[in-house]
C-alpha atoms as a PDB file:
ATOM      1  CA  MET A   1     -89.599-199.230 -24.710  1.00  0.00           C
ATOM      2  CA  ALA A   2     -92.822-200.569 -25.911  1.00  0.00           C
ATOM      3  CA  ILE A   3     -96.469-199.417 -24.784  1.00  0.00           C
ATOM      4  CA  VAL A   4     -98.531-201.980 -23.455  1.00  0.00           C
ATOM      5  CA  ASN A   5    -102.288-201.791 -23.000  1.00  0.00           C
ATOM      6  CA  ARG A   6    -104.365-203.749 -20.516  1.00  0.00           C
ATOM      7  CA  LEU A   7    -108.266-204.026 -21.147  1.00  0.00           C
ATOM      8  CA  THR A   8    -110.092-205.387 -18.267  1.00  0.00           C
ATOM      9  CA  VAL A   9    -113.764-206.443 -19.233  1.00  0.00           C
ATOM     10  CA  ASP A  10    -115.657-207.496 -16.376  1.00  0.00           C
ATOM     11  CA  GLY A  11    -112.660-208.921 -13.915  1.00  0.00           C
ATOM     12  CA  ARG A  12    -110.964-210.873 -16.878  1.00  0.00           C
ATOM     13  CA  ASP A  13    -107.588-208.818 -18.342  1.00  0.00           C
ATOM     14  CA  TYR A  14    -106.300-208.645 -21.780  1.00  0.00           C
ATOM     15  CA  PHE A  15    -102.858-207.419 -22.626  1.00  0.00           C
ATOM     16  CA  LEU A  16    -103.061-205.113 -26.218  1.00  0.00           C
ATOM     17  CA  PRO A  17     -99.756-203.515 -28.123  1.00  0.00           C
ATOM     18  CA  ASP A  18    -100.308-199.776 -29.352  1.00  0.00           C
ATOM     19  CA  PRO A  19    -102.150-198.475 -31.264  1.00  0.00           C
ATOM     20  CA  VAL A  20    -105.596-199.007 -29.307  1.00  0.00           C
ATOM     21  CA  ALA A  21    -107.637-196.187 -30.483  1.00  0.00           C
ATOM     22  CA  GLU A  22    -109.524-198.034 -33.448  1.00  0.00           C
ATOM     23  CA  LEU A  23    -110.477-200.993 -30.938  1.00  0.00           C
ATOM     24  CA  LYS A  24    -111.765-198.152 -27.969  1.00  0.00           C
ATOM     25  CA  THR A  25    -113.924-196.561 -30.651  1.00  0.00           C
ATOM     26  CA  ASN A  26    -115.199-200.437 -31.975  1.00  0.00           C
ATOM     27  CA  ILE A  27    -115.916-200.976 -28.387  1.00  0.00           C
ATOM     28  CA  LEU A  28    -117.540-197.974 -27.373  1.00  0.00           C
ATOM     29  CA  GLU A  29    -119.987-198.301 -30.597  1.00  0.00           C
ATOM     30  CA  ALA A  30    -120.777-201.022 -29.463  1.00  0.00           C
ATOM     31  CA  ILE A  31    -122.338-200.266 -26.060  1.00  0.00           C
ATOM     32  CA  LYS A  32    -124.269-197.089 -28.140  1.00  0.00           C
ATOM     33  CA  ALA A  33    -125.661-199.735 -30.184  1.00  0.00           C
ATOM     34  CA  GLY A  34    -126.981-201.771 -27.212  1.00  0.00           C
ATOM     35  CA  GLY A  35    -124.218-204.342 -27.125  1.00  0.00           C
ATOM     36  CA  GLY A  36    -122.241-205.873 -29.841  1.00  0.00           C
ATOM     37  CA  TYR A  37    -119.245-208.307 -30.561  1.00  0.00           C
ATOM     38  CA  VAL A  38    -116.205-206.565 -31.019  1.00  0.00           C
ATOM     39  CA  ASN A  39    -113.025-208.692 -31.728  1.00  0.00           C
ATOM     40  CA  ILE A  40    -109.785-208.209 -29.393  1.00  0.00           C
ATOM     41  CA  PRO A  41    -106.737-209.097 -30.638  1.00  0.00           C
ATOM     42  CA  PRO A  42    -103.768-210.544 -29.013  1.00  0.00           C
ATOM     43  CA  LEU A  43    -100.875-209.014 -27.611  1.00  0.00           C
ATOM     44  CA  ARG A  44     -98.565-211.701 -29.993  1.00  0.00           C
ATOM     45  CA  GLY A  45    -100.443-213.291 -33.219  1.00  0.00           C
ATOM     46  CA  GLY A  46    -103.327-215.562 -33.493  1.00  0.00           C
ATOM     47  CA  PRO A  47    -107.178-215.047 -33.873  1.00  0.00           C
ATOM     48  CA  GLY A  48    -107.704-212.831 -30.907  1.00  0.00           C
ATOM     49  CA  VAL A  49    -111.025-212.966 -28.668  1.00  0.00           C
ATOM     50  CA  ASP A  50    -114.569-211.970 -29.476  1.00  0.00           C
ATOM     51  CA  ILE A  51    -116.396-210.467 -26.595  1.00  0.00           C
ATOM     52  CA  LEU A  52    -119.507-209.466 -26.444  1.00  0.00           C
ATOM     53  CA  PHE A  53    -119.838-205.770 -24.814  1.00  0.00           C
ATOM     54  CA  SER A  54    -123.018-204.441 -23.243  1.00  0.00           C
ATOM     55  CA  PRO A  55    -124.313-201.417 -21.799  1.00  0.00           C
ATOM     56  CA  GLY A  56    -123.713-201.488 -17.878  1.00  0.00           C
ATOM     57  CA  MET A  57    -120.322-204.053 -18.406  1.00  0.00           C
ATOM     58  CA  PRO A  58    -117.543-202.819 -16.629  1.00  0.00           C
ATOM     59  CA  VAL A  59    -114.548-201.596 -18.798  1.00  0.00           C
ATOM     60  CA  THR A  60    -111.250-200.134 -17.582  1.00  0.00           C
ATOM     61  CA  TRP A  61    -108.342-199.783 -19.880  1.00  0.00           C
ATOM     62  CA  SER A  62    -104.658-198.647 -18.004  1.00  0.00           C
ATOM     63  CA  GLN A  63    -101.360-198.374 -20.148  1.00  0.00           C
ATOM     64  CA  PHE A  64     -97.729-199.005 -19.145  1.00  0.00           C
ATOM     65  CA  GLU A  65     -94.576-199.050 -20.474  1.00  0.00           C
ATOM     66  CA  VAL A  66     -92.675-202.587 -20.875  1.00  0.00           C
ATOM     67  CA  GLY A  67     -89.195-202.426 -21.433  1.00  0.00           C
ATOM     68  CA  GLU A  68     -85.437-204.388 -20.461  1.00  0.00           C
ATOM     69  CA  ALA A  69     -84.671-205.601 -16.790  1.00  0.00           C
ATOM     70  CA  PRO A  70     -82.431-203.110 -14.945  1.00  0.00           C
ATOM     71  CA  ALA A  71     -79.147-204.400 -15.369  1.00  0.00           C
ATOM     72  CA  PRO A  72     -77.612-206.406 -11.836  1.00  0.00           C
ATOM     73  CA  ILE A  73     -76.411-204.435  -9.718  1.00  0.00           C
ATOM     74  CA  ASP A  74     -72.465-205.385  -8.680  1.00  0.00           C
ATOM     75  CA  GLU A  75     -72.160-206.191  -4.918  1.00  0.00           C
ATOM     76  CA  PRO A  76     -68.811-207.017  -3.408  1.00  0.00           C
ATOM     77  CA  ASP A  77     -68.440-210.747  -2.167  1.00  0.00           C
ATOM     78  CA  ASP A  78     -68.794-210.877   1.539  1.00  0.00           C
ATOM     79  CA  GLU A  79     -65.012-212.934   1.539  1.00  0.00           C
ATOM     80  CA  LEU A  80     -64.034-209.771  -0.670  1.00  0.00           C
ATOM     81  CA  ALA A  81     -65.307-206.832   1.835  1.00  0.00           C
ATOM     82  CA  ASP A  82     -64.149-208.395   4.874  1.00  0.00           C
ATOM     83  CA  TYR A  83     -60.481-207.228   4.037  1.00  0.00           C
ATOM     84  CA  GLU A  84     -62.007-203.762   2.408  1.00  0.00           C
ATOM     85  CA  LEU A  85     -60.191-200.928   4.723  1.00  0.00           C
END
């Protein structure tokens, strides 16, 4: 299973792989400094996106596990179910 982090900034969601400790620190430092740009890396490669963080901007973090889809449950065909006793 993989851990995926969701960063919500001003109503927009960004999905990030683990670890995010350094990114959280960079965002906090930018806010404490009165504002600043922080690069948000993409989930799967690319340059990412620069976001201007400022005091009072709503920022929310959430984390969840993403794994493979569960195997489908084998259910008997309707035709066969009628003949079972």
